[in-house]
Amino acid sequence: MSSIPRVPHRASRILLLAGVIVMAAAVSQCKMVTDSATRPQVDPTGAGNCISACSHQANDMMREESDLHVANVKACKSPECKQQEAARHTAAVQAIQDFRKTCQAGCHHQGGGKGGR
């Protein structure tokens, strides 16, 4: 039987130290998550701010419409006038809700891509 040559104790420590140094050098080359070259450049609060602005604007419009509706109902002297005002108010509220949806849908625009085509 032949014997396997053994590495001297000192040489194994030197090899181990060299391996640790190589590993440390390799790990130090990793990019941090906060590195601007590797993280997305999109502002994550942009869409949220846009949606919030749309909501605030629609809420302001709704308050104005409500005040107008109350004033118009008080000014009405006949049942026909009140019916017309109710119909006008319902249409105005629907228009404000449509505005809100359209405005908020515009906040999600992600570009003009073709979906991989």
PDB file of N, CA and C in Angstrom:
ATOM      1  N   MET A   1       0.810  -1.164   0.000  1.00  0.00           N
ATOM      2  CA  MET A   1       0.000   0.000   0.000  1.00  0.00           C
ATOM      3  C   MET A   1       0.871   1.251   0.000  1.00  0.00           C
ATOM      4  N   SER A   2       0.448   2.229  -0.814  1.00  0.00           N
ATOM      5  CA  SER A   2       1.224   3.467  -0.862  1.00  0.00           C
ATOM      6  C   SER A   2       0.596   4.500   0.052  1.00  0.00           C
ATOM      7  N   SER A   3       1.411   5.299   0.571  1.00  0.00           N
ATOM      8  CA  SER A   3       0.895   6.322   1.485  1.00  0.00           C
ATOM      9  C   SER A   3       0.614   7.612   0.723  1.00  0.00           C
ATOM     10  N   ILE A   4      -0.398   8.335   1.200  1.00  0.00           N
ATOM     11  CA  ILE A   4      -0.773   9.614   0.586  1.00  0.00           C
ATOM     12  C   ILE A   4       0.134  10.678   1.170  1.00  0.00           C
ATOM     13  N   PRO A   5       0.720  11.500   0.282  1.00  0.00           N
ATOM     14  CA  PRO A   5       1.591  12.541   0.830  1.00  0.00           C
ATOM     15  C   PRO A   5       0.773  13.540   1.653  1.00  0.00           C
ATOM     16  N   ARG A   6       1.275  13.903   2.773  1.00  0.00           N
ATOM     17  CA  ARG A   6       0.570  14.811   3.665  1.00  0.00           C
ATOM     18  C   ARG A   6       1.154  16.205   3.523  1.00  0.00           C
ATOM     19  N   VAL A   7       0.269  17.183   3.622  1.00  0.00           N
ATOM     20  CA  VAL A   7       0.707  18.581   3.582  1.00  0.00           C
ATOM     21  C   VAL A   7       1.140  18.947   4.998  1.00  0.00           C
ATOM     22  N   PRO A   8       2.265  19.590   5.123  1.00  0.00           N
ATOM     23  CA  PRO A   8       2.713  19.987   6.458  1.00  0.00           C
ATOM     24  C   PRO A   8       1.682  20.908   7.116  1.00  0.00           C
ATOM     25  N   HIS A   9       1.648  20.882   8.437  1.00  0.00           N
ATOM     26  CA  HIS A   9       0.680  21.645   9.214  1.00  0.00           C
ATOM     27  C   HIS A   9       0.740  23.136   8.881  1.00  0.00           C
ATOM     28  N   ARG A  10       1.927  23.667   8.715  1.00  0.00           N
ATOM     29  CA  ARG A  10       2.100  25.088   8.419  1.00  0.00           C
ATOM     30  C   ARG A  10       1.530  25.422   7.037  1.00  0.00           C
ATOM     31  N   ALA A  11       1.719  24.566   6.075  1.00  0.00           N
ATOM     32  CA  ALA A  11       1.219  24.809   4.713  1.00  0.00           C
ATOM     33  C   ALA A  11      -0.305  24.802   4.687  1.00  0.00           C
ATOM     34  N   SER A  12      -0.953  23.957   5.477  1.00  0.00           N
ATOM     35  CA  SER A  12      -2.418  23.922   5.490  1.00  0.00           C
ATOM     36  C   SER A  12      -2.981  25.213   6.075  1.00  0.00           C
ATOM     37  N   ARG A  13      -2.309  25.762   7.073  1.00  0.00           N
ATOM     38  CA  ARG A  13      -2.757  27.040   7.638  1.00  0.00           C
ATOM     39  C   ARG A  13      -2.611  28.169   6.622  1.00  0.00           C
ATOM     40  N   ILE A  14      -1.552  28.154   5.877  1.00  0.00           N
ATOM     41  CA  ILE A  14      -1.330  29.186   4.857  1.00  0.00           C
ATOM     42  C   ILE A  14      -2.400  29.076   3.767  1.00  0.00           C
ATOM     43  N   LEU A  15      -2.722  27.855   3.360  1.00  0.00           N
ATOM     44  CA  LEU A  15      -3.783  27.652   2.358  1.00  0.00           C
ATOM     45  C   LEU A  15      -5.140  28.106   2.894  1.00  0.00           C
ATOM     46  N   LEU A  16      -5.409  27.815   4.144  1.00  0.00           N
ATOM     47  CA  LEU A  16      -6.665  28.244   4.762  1.00  0.00           C
ATOM     48  C   LEU A  16      -6.743  29.764   4.820  1.00  0.00           C
ATOM     49  N   LEU A  17      -5.659  30.403   5.210  1.00  0.00           N
ATOM     50  CA  LEU A  17      -5.623  31.861   5.268  1.00  0.00           C
ATOM     51  C   LEU A  17      -5.809  32.461   3.878  1.00  0.00           C
ATOM     52  N   ALA A  18      -5.177  31.881   2.871  1.00  0.00           N
ATOM     53  CA  ALA A  18      -5.324  32.371   1.491  1.00  0.00           C
ATOM     54  C   ALA A  18      -6.779  32.220   1.030  1.00  0.00           C
ATOM     55  N   GLY A  19      -7.418  31.113   1.402  1.00  0.00           N
ATOM     56  CA  GLY A  19      -8.823  30.906   1.043  1.00  0.00           C
ATOM     57  C   GLY A  19      -9.736  31.937   1.684  1.00  0.00           C
ATOM     58  N   VAL A  20      -9.468  32.245   2.953  1.00  0.00           N
ATOM     59  CA  VAL A  20     -10.266  33.260   3.655  1.00  0.00           C
ATOM     60  C   VAL A  20     -10.086  34.621   2.991  1.00  0.00           C
ATOM     61  N   ILE A  21      -8.877  34.957   2.613  1.00  0.00           N
ATOM     62  CA  ILE A  21      -8.613  36.247   1.954  1.00  0.00           C
ATOM     63  C   ILE A  21      -9.333  36.321   0.610  1.00  0.00           C
ATOM     64  N   VAL A  22      -9.298  35.246  -0.153  1.00  0.00           N
ATOM     65  CA  VAL A  22      -9.998  35.215  -1.444  1.00  0.00           C
ATOM     66  C   VAL A  22     -11.503  35.364  -1.240  1.00  0.00           C
ATOM     67  N   MET A  23     -12.055  34.691  -0.254  1.00  0.00           N
ATOM     68  CA  MET A  23     -13.497  34.795   0.030  1.00  0.00           C
ATOM     69  C   MET A  23     -13.870  36.212   0.441  1.00  0.00           C
ATOM     70  N   ALA A  24     -13.044  36.824   1.285  1.00  0.00           N
ATOM     71  CA  ALA A  24     -13.325  38.190   1.737  1.00  0.00           C
ATOM     72  C   ALA A  24     -13.292  39.160   0.566  1.00  0.00           C
ATOM     73  N   ALA A  25     -12.354  38.968  -0.343  1.00  0.00           N
ATOM     74  CA  ALA A  25     -12.259  39.840  -1.514  1.00  0.00           C
ATOM     75  C   ALA A  25     -13.467  39.647  -2.417  1.00  0.00           C
ATOM     76  N   ALA A  26     -13.934  38.431  -2.566  1.00  0.00           N
ATOM     77  CA  ALA A  26     -15.091  38.154  -3.429  1.00  0.00           C
ATOM     78  C   ALA A  26     -16.363  38.742  -2.837  1.00  0.00           C
ATOM     79  N   VAL A  27     -16.535  38.610  -1.535  1.00  0.00           N
ATOM     80  CA  VAL A  27     -17.738  39.122  -0.878  1.00  0.00           C
ATOM     81  C   VAL A  27     -17.764  40.644  -0.899  1.00  0.00           C
ATOM     82  N   SER A  28     -16.623  41.281  -0.811  1.00  0.00           N
ATOM     83  CA  SER A  28     -16.593  42.741  -0.788  1.00  0.00           C
ATOM     84  C   SER A  28     -16.970  43.342  -2.137  1.00  0.00           C
ATOM     85  N   GLN A  29     -17.017  42.544  -3.174  1.00  0.00           N
ATOM     86  CA  GLN A  29     -17.386  43.033  -4.499  1.00  0.00           C
ATOM     87  C   GLN A  29     -18.895  43.038  -4.728  1.00  0.00           C
ATOM     88  N   CYS A  30     -19.668  42.496  -3.802  1.00  0.00           N
ATOM     89  CA  CYS A  30     -21.127  42.480  -3.946  1.00  0.00           C
ATOM     90  C   CYS A  30     -21.666  43.891  -3.853  1.00  0.00           C
ATOM     91  N   LYS A  31     -22.739  44.162  -4.590  1.00  0.00           N
ATOM     92  CA  LYS A  31     -23.364  45.473  -4.567  1.00  0.00           C
ATOM     93  C   LYS A  31     -24.368  45.553  -3.436  1.00  0.00           C
ATOM     94  N   MET A  32     -24.428  46.699  -2.811  1.00  0.00           N
ATOM     95  CA  MET A  32     -25.423  46.939  -1.781  1.00  0.00           C
ATOM     96  C   MET A  32     -26.776  47.134  -2.457  1.00  0.00           C
ATOM     97  N   VAL A  33     -27.839  46.786  -1.769  1.00  0.00           N
ATOM     98  CA  VAL A  33     -29.189  46.935  -2.315  1.00  0.00           C
ATOM     99  C   VAL A  33     -29.504  48.395  -2.570  1.00  0.00           C
ATOM    100  N   THR A  34     -28.943  49.289  -1.783  1.00  0.00           N
ATOM    101  CA  THR A  34     -29.230  50.709  -1.941  1.00  0.00           C
ATOM    102  C   THR A  34     -28.388  51.360  -3.027  1.00  0.00           C
ATOM    103  N   ASP A  35     -27.534  50.589  -3.688  1.00  0.00           N
ATOM    104  CA  ASP A  35     -26.718  51.128  -4.767  1.00  0.00           C
ATOM    105  C   ASP A  35     -27.629  51.592  -5.894  1.00  0.00           C
ATOM    106  N   SER A  36     -27.465  52.817  -6.353  1.00  0.00           N
ATOM    107  CA  SER A  36     -28.367  53.371  -7.365  1.00  0.00           C
ATOM    108  C   SER A  36     -28.264  52.646  -8.702  1.00  0.00           C
ATOM    109  N   ALA A  37     -27.190  51.929  -8.933  1.00  0.00           N
ATOM    110  CA  ALA A  37     -27.058  51.207 -10.197  1.00  0.00           C
ATOM    111  C   ALA A  37     -27.876  49.920 -10.201  1.00  0.00           C
ATOM    112  N   THR A  38     -28.194  49.392  -9.031  1.00  0.00           N
ATOM    113  CA  THR A  38     -28.895  48.111  -8.985  1.00  0.00           C
ATOM    114  C   THR A  38     -30.340  48.211  -8.517  1.00  0.00           C
ATOM    115  N   ARG A  39     -30.755  49.332  -7.938  1.00  0.00           N
ATOM    116  CA  ARG A  39     -32.140  49.437  -7.484  1.00  0.00           C
ATOM    117  C   ARG A  39     -32.996  50.118  -8.540  1.00  0.00           C
ATOM    118  N   PRO A  40     -34.276  49.922  -8.528  1.00  0.00           N
ATOM    119  CA  PRO A  40     -35.152  50.569  -9.498  1.00  0.00           C
ATOM    120  C   PRO A  40     -35.110  52.081  -9.340  1.00  0.00           C
ATOM    121  N   GLN A  41     -35.200  52.795 -10.437  1.00  0.00           N
ATOM    122  CA  GLN A  41     -35.145  54.241 -10.414  1.00  0.00           C
ATOM    123  C   GLN A  41     -36.536  54.867 -10.330  1.00  0.00           C
ATOM    124  N   VAL A  42     -37.560  54.080 -10.125  1.00  0.00           N
ATOM    125  CA  VAL A  42     -38.923  54.564 -10.059  1.00  0.00           C
ATOM    126  C   VAL A  42     -39.207  55.073  -8.655  1.00  0.00           C
ATOM    127  N   ASP A  43     -39.865  56.213  -8.568  1.00  0.00           N
ATOM    128  CA  ASP A  43     -40.253  56.752  -7.268  1.00  0.00           C
ATOM    129  C   ASP A  43     -41.492  56.002  -6.804  1.00  0.00           C
ATOM    130  N   PRO A  44     -41.394  55.181  -5.754  1.00  0.00           N
ATOM    131  CA  PRO A  44     -42.540  54.368  -5.351  1.00  0.00           C
ATOM    132  C   PRO A  44     -43.698  55.193  -4.809  1.00  0.00           C
ATOM    133  N   THR A  45     -43.445  56.423  -4.389  1.00  0.00           N
ATOM    134  CA  THR A  45     -44.521  57.244  -3.849  1.00  0.00           C
ATOM    135  C   THR A  45     -45.189  58.090  -4.914  1.00  0.00           C
ATOM    136  N   GLY A  46     -44.676  58.082  -6.133  1.00  0.00           N
ATOM    137  CA  GLY A  46     -45.235  58.912  -7.200  1.00  0.00           C
ATOM    138  C   GLY A  46     -46.684  58.586  -7.493  1.00  0.00           C
ATOM    139  N   ALA A  47     -47.001  57.317  -7.679  1.00  0.00           N
ATOM    140  CA  ALA A  47     -48.375  56.920  -7.981  1.00  0.00           C
ATOM    141  C   ALA A  47     -49.280  57.193  -6.787  1.00  0.00           C
ATOM    142  N   GLY A  48     -48.793  56.950  -5.585  1.00  0.00           N
ATOM    143  CA  GLY A  48     -49.596  57.208  -4.387  1.00  0.00           C
ATOM    144  C   GLY A  48     -49.918  58.687  -4.233  1.00  0.00           C
ATOM    145  N   ASN A  49     -48.932  59.544  -4.512  1.00  0.00           N
ATOM    146  CA  ASN A  49     -49.172  60.985  -4.438  1.00  0.00           C
ATOM    147  C   ASN A  49     -50.166  61.420  -5.500  1.00  0.00           C
ATOM    148  N   CYS A  50     -50.070  60.855  -6.674  1.00  0.00           N
ATOM    149  CA  CYS A  50     -50.980  61.192  -7.766  1.00  0.00           C
ATOM    150  C   CYS A  50     -52.408  60.778  -7.410  1.00  0.00           C
ATOM    151  N   ILE A  51     -52.564  59.572  -6.903  1.00  0.00           N
ATOM    152  CA  ILE A  51     -53.897  59.083  -6.528  1.00  0.00           C
ATOM    153  C   ILE A  51     -54.483  59.949  -5.421  1.00  0.00           C
ATOM    154  N   SER A  52     -53.660  60.318  -4.468  1.00  0.00           N
ATOM    155  CA  SER A  52     -54.110  61.174  -3.374  1.00  0.00           C
ATOM    156  C   SER A  52     -54.545  62.539  -3.893  1.00  0.00           C
ATOM    157  N   ALA A  53     -53.779  63.108  -4.821  1.00  0.00           N
ATOM    158  CA  ALA A  53     -54.134  64.405  -5.399  1.00  0.00           C
ATOM    159  C   ALA A  53     -55.463  64.317  -6.148  1.00  0.00           C
ATOM    160  N   CYS A  54     -55.663  63.226  -6.882  1.00  0.00           N
ATOM    161  CA  CYS A  54     -56.938  63.034  -7.597  1.00  0.00           C
ATOM    162  C   CYS A  54     -58.098  62.953  -6.607  1.00  0.00           C
ATOM    163  N   SER A  55     -57.901  62.232  -5.526  1.00  0.00           N
ATOM    164  CA  SER A  55     -58.954  62.098  -4.516  1.00  0.00           C
ATOM    165  C   SER A  55     -59.281  63.434  -3.866  1.00  0.00           C
ATOM    166  N   HIS A  56     -58.250  64.196  -3.533  1.00  0.00           N
ATOM    167  CA  HIS A  56     -58.483  65.501  -2.909  1.00  0.00           C
ATOM    168  C   HIS A  56     -59.245  66.429  -3.857  1.00  0.00           C
ATOM    169  N   GLN A  57     -58.854  66.419  -5.123  1.00  0.00           N
ATOM    170  CA  GLN A  57     -59.527  67.277  -6.090  1.00  0.00           C
ATOM    171  C   GLN A  57     -60.985  66.854  -6.263  1.00  0.00           C
ATOM    172  N   ALA A  58     -61.230  65.566  -6.365  1.00  0.00           N
ATOM    173  CA  ALA A  58     -62.606  65.077  -6.512  1.00  0.00           C
ATOM    174  C   ALA A  58     -63.424  65.378  -5.255  1.00  0.00           C
ATOM    175  N   ASN A  59     -62.817  65.252  -4.087  1.00  0.00           N
ATOM    176  CA  ASN A  59     -63.527  65.568  -2.841  1.00  0.00           C
ATOM    177  C   ASN A  59     -63.887  67.051  -2.775  1.00  0.00           C
ATOM    178  N   ASP A  60     -62.969  67.918  -3.221  1.00  0.00           N
ATOM    179  CA  ASP A  60     -63.269  69.352  -3.258  1.00  0.00           C
ATOM    180  C   ASP A  60     -64.419  69.634  -4.226  1.00  0.00           C
ATOM    181  N   MET A  61     -64.389  68.978  -5.371  1.00  0.00           N
ATOM    182  CA  MET A  61     -65.477  69.146  -6.348  1.00  0.00           C
ATOM    183  C   MET A  61     -66.807  68.665  -5.755  1.00  0.00           C
ATOM    184  N   MET A  62     -66.757  67.566  -5.005  1.00  0.00           N
ATOM    185  CA  MET A  62     -67.968  67.013  -4.403  1.00  0.00           C
ATOM    186  C   MET A  62     -68.535  67.979  -3.355  1.00  0.00           C
ATOM    187  N   ARG A  63     -67.665  68.603  -2.559  1.00  0.00           N
ATOM    188  CA  ARG A  63     -68.136  69.585  -1.569  1.00  0.00           C
ATOM    189  C   ARG A  63     -68.808  70.768  -2.258  1.00  0.00           C
ATOM    190  N   GLU A  64     -68.188  71.262  -3.323  1.00  0.00           N
ATOM    191  CA  GLU A  64     -68.780  72.382  -4.067  1.00  0.00           C
ATOM    192  C   GLU A  64     -70.132  71.986  -4.646  1.00  0.00           C
ATOM    193  N   GLU A  65     -70.219  70.790  -5.188  1.00  0.00           N
ATOM    194  CA  GLU A  65     -71.483  70.324  -5.766  1.00  0.00           C
ATOM    195  C   GLU A  65     -72.546  70.180  -4.684  1.00  0.00           C
ATOM    196  N   SER A  66     -72.156  69.682  -3.530  1.00  0.00           N
ATOM    197  CA  SER A  66     -73.109  69.524  -2.438  1.00  0.00           C
ATOM    198  C   SER A  66     -73.649  70.882  -1.980  1.00  0.00           C
ATOM    199  N   ASP A  67     -72.744  71.851  -1.841  1.00  0.00           N
ATOM    200  CA  ASP A  67     -73.183  73.201  -1.448  1.00  0.00           C
ATOM    201  C   ASP A  67     -74.126  73.799  -2.493  1.00  0.00           C
ATOM    202  N   LEU A  68     -73.800  73.613  -3.762  1.00  0.00           N
ATOM    203  CA  LEU A  68     -74.657  74.116  -4.838  1.00  0.00           C
ATOM    204  C   LEU A  68     -76.016  73.428  -4.811  1.00  0.00           C
ATOM    205  N   HIS A  69     -76.009  72.136  -4.601  1.00  0.00           N
ATOM    206  CA  HIS A  69     -77.263  71.372  -4.565  1.00  0.00           C
ATOM    207  C   HIS A  69     -78.171  71.859  -3.430  1.00  0.00           C
ATOM    208  N   VAL A  70     -77.602  72.045  -2.251  1.00  0.00           N
ATOM    209  CA  VAL A  70     -78.394  72.527  -1.108  1.00  0.00           C
ATOM    210  C   VAL A  70     -78.977  73.907  -1.412  1.00  0.00           C
ATOM    211  N   ALA A  71     -78.161  74.787  -1.983  1.00  0.00           N
ATOM    212  CA  ALA A  71     -78.646  76.135  -2.324  1.00  0.00           C
ATOM    213  C   ALA A  71     -79.747  76.067  -3.378  1.00  0.00           C
ATOM    214  N   ASN A  72     -79.591  75.214  -4.380  1.00  0.00           N
ATOM    215  CA  ASN A  72     -80.598  75.092  -5.433  1.00  0.00           C
ATOM    216  C   ASN A  72     -81.914  74.526  -4.889  1.00  0.00           C
ATOM    217  N   VAL A  73     -81.829  73.544  -3.999  1.00  0.00           N
ATOM    218  CA  VAL A  73     -83.049  72.968  -3.434  1.00  0.00           C
ATOM    219  C   VAL A  73     -83.791  74.011  -2.601  1.00  0.00           C
ATOM    220  N   LYS A  74     -83.042  74.808  -1.844  1.00  0.00           N
ATOM    221  CA  LYS A  74     -83.676  75.865  -1.046  1.00  0.00           C
ATOM    222  C   LYS A  74     -84.341  76.910  -1.939  1.00  0.00           C
ATOM    223  N   ALA A  75     -83.745  77.153  -3.115  1.00  0.00           N
ATOM    224  CA  ALA A  75     -84.292  78.161  -4.027  1.00  0.00           C
ATOM    225  C   ALA A  75     -85.497  77.649  -4.809  1.00  0.00           C
ATOM    226  N   CYS A  76     -85.642  76.330  -4.882  1.00  0.00           N
ATOM    227  CA  CYS A  76     -86.759  75.761  -5.648  1.00  0.00           C
ATOM    228  C   CYS A  76     -88.088  76.018  -4.924  1.00  0.00           C
ATOM    229  N   LYS A  77     -89.123  76.393  -5.735  1.00  0.00           N
ATOM    230  CA  LYS A  77     -90.451  76.650  -5.181  1.00  0.00           C
ATOM    231  C   LYS A  77     -91.465  75.598  -5.600  1.00  0.00           C
ATOM    232  N   SER A  78     -91.102  74.762  -6.580  1.00  0.00           N
ATOM    233  CA  SER A  78     -92.067  73.767  -7.064  1.00  0.00           C
ATOM    234  C   SER A  78     -91.456  72.367  -7.011  1.00  0.00           C
ATOM    235  N   PRO A  79     -92.339  71.363  -6.983  1.00  0.00           N
ATOM    236  CA  PRO A  79     -91.834  69.980  -7.009  1.00  0.00           C
ATOM    237  C   PRO A  79     -91.063  69.661  -8.292  1.00  0.00           C
ATOM    238  N   GLU A  80     -91.466  70.250  -9.420  1.00  0.00           N
ATOM    239  CA  GLU A  80     -90.768  70.011 -10.691  1.00  0.00           C
ATOM    240  C   GLU A  80     -89.319  70.528 -10.617  1.00  0.00           C
ATOM    241  N   CYS A  81     -89.185  71.692 -10.012  1.00  0.00           N
ATOM    242  CA  CYS A  81     -87.846  72.276  -9.851  1.00  0.00           C
ATOM    243  C   CYS A  81     -86.964  71.348  -9.012  1.00  0.00           C
ATOM    244  N   LYS A  82     -87.529  70.817  -7.931  1.00  0.00           N
ATOM    245  CA  LYS A  82     -86.757  69.915  -7.078  1.00  0.00           C
ATOM    246  C   LYS A  82     -86.393  68.619  -7.800  1.00  0.00           C
ATOM    247  N   GLN A  83     -87.281  68.127  -8.647  1.00  0.00           N
ATOM    248  CA  GLN A  83     -86.981  66.917  -9.430  1.00  0.00           C
ATOM    249  C   GLN A  83     -85.853  67.201 -10.427  1.00  0.00           C
ATOM    250  N   GLN A  84     -85.933  68.360 -11.079  1.00  0.00           N
ATOM    251  CA  GLN A  84     -84.877  68.714 -12.034  1.00  0.00           C
ATOM    252  C   GLN A  84     -83.526  68.886 -11.319  1.00  0.00           C
ATOM    253  N   GLU A  85     -83.587  69.504 -10.153  1.00  0.00           N
ATOM    254  CA  GLU A  85     -82.354  69.684  -9.382  1.00  0.00           C
ATOM    255  C   GLU A  85     -81.787  68.336  -8.935  1.00  0.00           C
ATOM    256  N   ALA A  86     -82.645  67.425  -8.532  1.00  0.00           N
ATOM    257  CA  ALA A  86     -82.175  66.092  -8.131  1.00  0.00           C
ATOM    258  C   ALA A  86     -81.515  65.384  -9.303  1.00  0.00           C
ATOM    259  N   ALA A  87     -82.110  65.493 -10.491  1.00  0.00           N
ATOM    260  CA  ALA A  87     -81.514  64.866 -11.683  1.00  0.00           C
ATOM    261  C   ALA A  87     -80.178  65.521 -12.034  1.00  0.00           C
ATOM    262  N   ARG A  88     -80.130  66.868 -11.943  1.00  0.00           N
ATOM    263  CA  ARG A  88     -78.888  67.581 -12.239  1.00  0.00           C
ATOM    264  C   ARG A  88     -77.803  67.176 -11.241  1.00  0.00           C
ATOM    265  N   HIS A  89     -78.171  67.087  -9.966  1.00  0.00           N
ATOM    266  CA  HIS A  89     -77.213  66.722  -8.913  1.00  0.00           C
ATOM    267  C   HIS A  89     -76.689  65.297  -9.121  1.00  0.00           C
ATOM    268  N   THR A  90     -77.567  64.371  -9.460  1.00  0.00           N
ATOM    269  CA  THR A  90     -77.155  62.976  -9.698  1.00  0.00           C
ATOM    270  C   THR A  90     -76.162  62.905 -10.858  1.00  0.00           C
ATOM    271  N   ALA A  91     -76.436  63.644 -11.931  1.00  0.00           N
ATOM    272  CA  ALA A  91     -75.526  63.664 -13.087  1.00  0.00           C
ATOM    273  C   ALA A  91     -74.181  64.299 -12.711  1.00  0.00           C
ATOM    274  N   ALA A  92     -74.225  65.367 -11.909  1.00  0.00           N
ATOM    275  CA  ALA A  92     -72.985  66.030 -11.507  1.00  0.00           C
ATOM    276  C   ALA A  92     -72.132  65.119 -10.625  1.00  0.00           C
ATOM    277  N   VAL A  93     -72.771  64.408  -9.710  1.00  0.00           N
ATOM    278  CA  VAL A  93     -72.038  63.475  -8.837  1.00  0.00           C
ATOM    279  C   VAL A  93     -71.418  62.358  -9.678  1.00  0.00           C
ATOM    280  N   GLN A  94     -72.143  61.857 -10.644  1.00  0.00           N
ATOM    281  CA  GLN A  94     -71.605  60.802 -11.516  1.00  0.00           C
ATOM    282  C   GLN A  94     -70.408  61.321 -12.314  1.00  0.00           C
ATOM    283  N   ALA A  95     -70.515  62.565 -12.796  1.00  0.00           N
ATOM    284  CA  ALA A  95     -69.396  63.153 -13.545  1.00  0.00           C
ATOM    285  C   ALA A  95     -68.158  63.290 -12.654  1.00  0.00           C
ATOM    286  N   ILE A  96     -68.350  63.655 -11.405  1.00  0.00           N
ATOM    287  CA  ILE A  96     -67.219  63.779 -10.481  1.00  0.00           C
ATOM    288  C   ILE A  96     -66.597  62.409 -10.219  1.00  0.00           C
ATOM    289  N   GLN A  97     -67.421  61.397 -10.048  1.00  0.00           N
ATOM    290  CA  GLN A  97     -66.894  60.041  -9.834  1.00  0.00           C
ATOM    291  C   GLN A  97     -66.147  59.549 -11.074  1.00  0.00           C
ATOM    292  N   ASP A  98     -66.665  59.858 -12.268  1.00  0.00           N
ATOM    293  CA  ASP A  98     -65.969  59.486 -13.507  1.00  0.00           C
ATOM    294  C   ASP A  98     -64.622  60.196 -13.586  1.00  0.00           C
ATOM    295  N   PHE A  99     -64.606  61.485 -13.204  1.00  0.00           N
ATOM    296  CA  PHE A  99     -63.348  62.233 -13.187  1.00  0.00           C
ATOM    297  C   PHE A  99     -62.344  61.553 -12.258  1.00  0.00           C
ATOM    298  N   ARG A 100     -62.806  61.172 -11.070  1.00  0.00           N
ATOM    299  CA  ARG A 100     -61.921  60.527 -10.089  1.00  0.00           C
ATOM    300  C   ARG A 100     -61.303  59.257 -10.674  1.00  0.00           C
ATOM    301  N   LYS A 101     -62.131  58.420 -11.293  1.00  0.00           N
ATOM    302  CA  LYS A 101     -61.627  57.160 -11.865  1.00  0.00           C
ATOM    303  C   LYS A 101     -60.632  57.412 -12.987  1.00  0.00           C
ATOM    304  N   THR A 102     -60.957  58.357 -13.864  1.00  0.00           N
ATOM    305  CA  THR A 102     -60.073  58.665 -14.992  1.00  0.00           C
ATOM    306  C   THR A 102     -58.749  59.240 -14.501  1.00  0.00           C
ATOM    307  N   CYS A 103     -58.838  60.151 -13.552  1.00  0.00           N
ATOM    308  CA  CYS A 103     -57.626  60.769 -12.997  1.00  0.00           C
ATOM    309  C   CYS A 103     -56.733  59.715 -12.343  1.00  0.00           C
ATOM    310  N   GLN A 104     -57.321  58.850 -11.519  1.00  0.00           N
ATOM    311  CA  GLN A 104     -56.530  57.839 -10.825  1.00  0.00           C
ATOM    312  C   GLN A 104     -55.988  56.789 -11.788  1.00  0.00           C
ATOM    313  N   ALA A 105     -56.727  56.492 -12.850  1.00  0.00           N
ATOM    314  CA  ALA A 105     -56.222  55.534 -13.843  1.00  0.00           C
ATOM    315  C   ALA A 105     -54.980  56.092 -14.529  1.00  0.00           C
ATOM    316  N   GLY A 106     -54.922  57.404 -14.705  1.00  0.00           N
ATOM    317  CA  GLY A 106     -53.747  58.039 -15.302  1.00  0.00           C
ATOM    318  C   GLY A 106     -52.527  57.966 -14.408  1.00  0.00           C
ATOM    319  N   CYS A 107     -52.725  57.763 -13.125  1.00  0.00           N
ATOM    320  CA  CYS A 107     -51.596  57.675 -12.185  1.00  0.00           C
ATOM    321  C   CYS A 107     -50.826  56.370 -12.364  1.00  0.00           C
ATOM    322  N   HIS A 108     -51.433  55.370 -12.952  1.00  0.00           N
ATOM    323  CA  HIS A 108     -50.804  54.051 -13.084  1.00  0.00           C
ATOM    324  C   HIS A 108     -50.107  53.869 -14.422  1.00  0.00           C
ATOM    325  N   HIS A 109     -50.004  54.929 -15.215  1.00  0.00           N
ATOM    326  CA  HIS A 109     -49.375  54.810 -16.528  1.00  0.00           C
ATOM    327  C   HIS A 109     -47.917  54.417 -16.355  1.00  0.00           C
ATOM    328  N   GLN A 110     -47.525  53.317 -16.996  1.00  0.00           N
ATOM    329  CA  GLN A 110     -46.175  52.804 -16.842  1.00  0.00           C
ATOM    330  C   GLN A 110     -45.369  52.898 -18.120  1.00  0.00           C
ATOM    331  N   GLY A 111     -45.842  53.612 -19.087  1.00  0.00           N
ATOM    332  CA  GLY A 111     -45.113  53.745 -20.340  1.00  0.00           C
ATOM    333  C   GLY A 111     -45.905  53.159 -21.486  1.00  0.00           C
ATOM    334  N   GLY A 112     -45.376  53.312 -22.661  1.00  0.00           N
ATOM    335  CA  GLY A 112     -46.089  52.902 -23.863  1.00  0.00           C
ATOM    336  C   GLY A 112     -45.620  51.571 -24.395  1.00  0.00           C
ATOM    337  N   GLY A 113     -45.286  50.657 -23.543  1.00  0.00           N
ATOM    338  CA  GLY A 113     -44.810  49.352 -23.996  1.00  0.00           C
ATOM    339  C   GLY A 113     -45.867  48.552 -24.705  1.00  0.00           C
ATOM    340  N   LYS A 114     -45.443  47.535 -25.412  1.00  0.00           N
ATOM    341  CA  LYS A 114     -46.344  46.690 -26.191  1.00  0.00           C
ATOM    342  C   LYS A 114     -46.564  45.338 -25.533  1.00  0.00           C
ATOM    343  N   GLY A 115     -46.182  45.172 -24.288  1.00  0.00           N
ATOM    344  CA  GLY A 115     -46.408  43.906 -23.593  1.00  0.00           C
ATOM    345  C   GLY A 115     -45.572  42.763 -24.141  1.00  0.00           C
ATOM    346  N   GLY A 116     -44.336  43.037 -24.540  1.00  0.00           N
ATOM    347  CA  GLY A 116     -43.448  41.987 -25.014  1.00  0.00           C
ATOM    348  C   GLY A 116     -43.547  41.744 -26.508  1.00  0.00           C
ATOM    349  N   ARG A 117     -44.307  42.562 -27.201  1.00  0.00           N
ATOM    350  CA  ARG A 117     -44.441  42.370 -28.658  1.00  0.00           C
ATOM    351  C   ARG A 117     -43.442  43.180 -29.414  1.00  0.00           C
TER     352      ARG A 117
END
